[in-house]
C-alpha atoms as a PDB file:
ATOM      1  CA  MET A   1       4.735 -13.657 -30.482  1.00  0.00           C
ATOM      2  CA  SER A   2       8.041 -14.714 -31.964  1.00  0.00           C
ATOM      3  CA  GLU A   3      10.812 -13.059 -33.895  1.00  0.00           C
ATOM      4  CA  VAL A   4      10.886 -13.834 -37.621  1.00  0.00           C
ATOM      5  CA  LYS A   5      14.065 -13.360 -39.690  1.00  0.00           C
ATOM      6  CA  CYS A   6      14.084 -13.645 -43.477  1.00  0.00           C
ATOM      7  CA  SER A   7      17.023 -13.697 -45.885  1.00  0.00           C
ATOM      8  CA  TRP A   8      17.601 -14.831 -49.457  1.00  0.00           C
ATOM      9  CA  VAL A   9      18.313 -18.449 -50.329  1.00  0.00           C
ATOM     10  CA  PRO A  10      21.614 -18.183 -52.258  1.00  0.00           C
ATOM     11  CA  GLY A  11      21.257 -18.558 -56.005  1.00  0.00           C
ATOM     12  CA  THR A  12      17.525 -17.788 -56.083  1.00  0.00           C
ATOM     13  CA  LEU A  13      15.540 -14.722 -57.055  1.00  0.00           C
ATOM     14  CA  ASP A  14      12.264 -15.584 -55.354  1.00  0.00           C
ATOM     15  CA  THR A  15      12.942 -17.857 -52.364  1.00  0.00           C
ATOM     16  CA  LEU A  16      13.614 -16.824 -48.776  1.00  0.00           C
ATOM     17  CA  HIS A  17      15.105 -18.662 -45.818  1.00  0.00           C
ATOM     18  CA  VAL A  18      12.974 -17.966 -42.720  1.00  0.00           C
ATOM     19  CA  VAL A  19      14.129 -18.511 -39.138  1.00  0.00           C
ATOM     20  CA  ILE A  20      11.591 -18.510 -36.290  1.00  0.00           C
ATOM     21  CA  GLY A  21      13.350 -19.311 -33.049  1.00  0.00           C
ATOM     22  CA  GLU A  22      15.022 -22.657 -33.742  1.00  0.00           C
ATOM     23  CA  ARG A  23      12.661 -23.560 -36.594  1.00  0.00           C
ATOM     24  CA  THR A  24      13.361 -22.849 -40.258  1.00  0.00           C
ATOM     25  CA  ALA A  25      11.222 -22.688 -43.370  1.00  0.00           C
ATOM     26  CA  ARG A  26      11.304 -21.572 -46.992  1.00  0.00           C
ATOM     27  CA  LEU A  27       8.992 -18.861 -48.278  1.00  0.00           C
ATOM     28  CA  LYS A  28       8.399 -17.320 -51.693  1.00  0.00           C
ATOM     29  CA  VAL A  29       8.695 -13.540 -52.045  1.00  0.00           C
ATOM     30  CA  VAL A  30       5.006 -13.354 -53.004  1.00  0.00           C
ATOM     31  CA  GLN A  31       4.086 -15.018 -49.705  1.00  0.00           C
ATOM     32  CA  LEU A  32       6.277 -12.573 -47.781  1.00  0.00           C
ATOM     33  CA  ARG A  33       4.379  -9.691 -49.401  1.00  0.00           C
ATOM     34  CA  GLN A  34       1.016 -11.256 -48.537  1.00  0.00           C
ATOM     35  CA  LEU A  35       1.951 -11.884 -44.905  1.00  0.00           C
ATOM     36  CA  PHE A  36       3.930  -8.754 -44.003  1.00  0.00           C
ATOM     37  CA  GLY A  37       3.159  -6.115 -46.629  1.00  0.00           C
ATOM     38  CA  ILE A  38       5.131  -3.913 -48.960  1.00  0.00           C
ATOM     39  CA  GLN A  39       7.601  -2.750 -46.278  1.00  0.00           C
ATOM     40  CA  ALA A  40       8.848  -6.346 -45.945  1.00  0.00           C
ATOM     41  CA  LEU A  41       9.307  -6.584 -49.696  1.00  0.00           C
ATOM     42  CA  ASN A  42      11.226  -3.299 -49.786  1.00  0.00           C
ATOM     43  CA  ALA A  43      13.510  -4.428 -46.953  1.00  0.00           C
ATOM     44  CA  ILE A  44      14.314  -7.816 -48.492  1.00  0.00           C
ATOM     45  CA  TYR A  45      15.209  -6.271 -51.862  1.00  0.00           C
ATOM     46  CA  LEU A  46      17.111  -3.248 -50.535  1.00  0.00           C
ATOM     47  CA  GLN A  47      18.837  -4.707 -47.462  1.00  0.00           C
ATOM     48  CA  GLY A  48      18.853  -8.423 -48.194  1.00  0.00           C
ATOM     49  CA  TYR A  49      16.987  -9.343 -45.019  1.00  0.00           C
ATOM     50  CA  TYR A  50      13.784  -8.630 -43.114  1.00  0.00           C
ATOM     51  CA  GLN A  51      13.205  -9.017 -39.388  1.00  0.00           C
ATOM     52  CA  THR A  52       9.974  -8.568 -37.456  1.00  0.00           C
ATOM     53  CA  VAL A  53       7.813  -9.993 -34.677  1.00  0.00           C
ATOM     54  CA  ALA A  54       4.799 -12.107 -35.685  1.00  0.00           C
ATOM     55  CA  ASP A  55       1.865 -13.646 -33.857  1.00  0.00           C
ATOM     56  CA  GLN A  56       1.169 -17.370 -33.770  1.00  0.00           C
ATOM     57  CA  ASP A  57      -1.328 -17.264 -36.659  1.00  0.00           C
ATOM     58  CA  ILE A  58       1.254 -15.898 -39.086  1.00  0.00           C
ATOM     59  CA  ILE A  59       3.939 -18.268 -37.805  1.00  0.00           C
ATOM     60  CA  GLU A  60       1.661 -21.250 -38.446  1.00  0.00           C
ATOM     61  CA  ARG A  61       0.996 -19.994 -41.988  1.00  0.00           C
ATOM     62  CA  ILE A  62       4.741 -19.681 -42.650  1.00  0.00           C
ATOM     63  CA  LEU A  63       5.527 -23.154 -41.320  1.00  0.00           C
ATOM     64  CA  ALA A  64       2.647 -24.677 -43.319  1.00  0.00           C
ATOM     65  CA  ALA A  65       3.953 -23.209 -46.591  1.00  0.00           C
END
């Protein structure tokens, strides 16, 4: 399991910058909702970031996106 941190890509309304350890990726808000649920969506809109711990299957799906 690894820590996943998401924040907005500046100037966008639907794209997130994702950091997993030393790796980075981009993710659409729709994908965030599909992977982590409504609580992730609420956090990203209300706080501007979302942080959680994910298993290897989810991490591979994020990095493949």
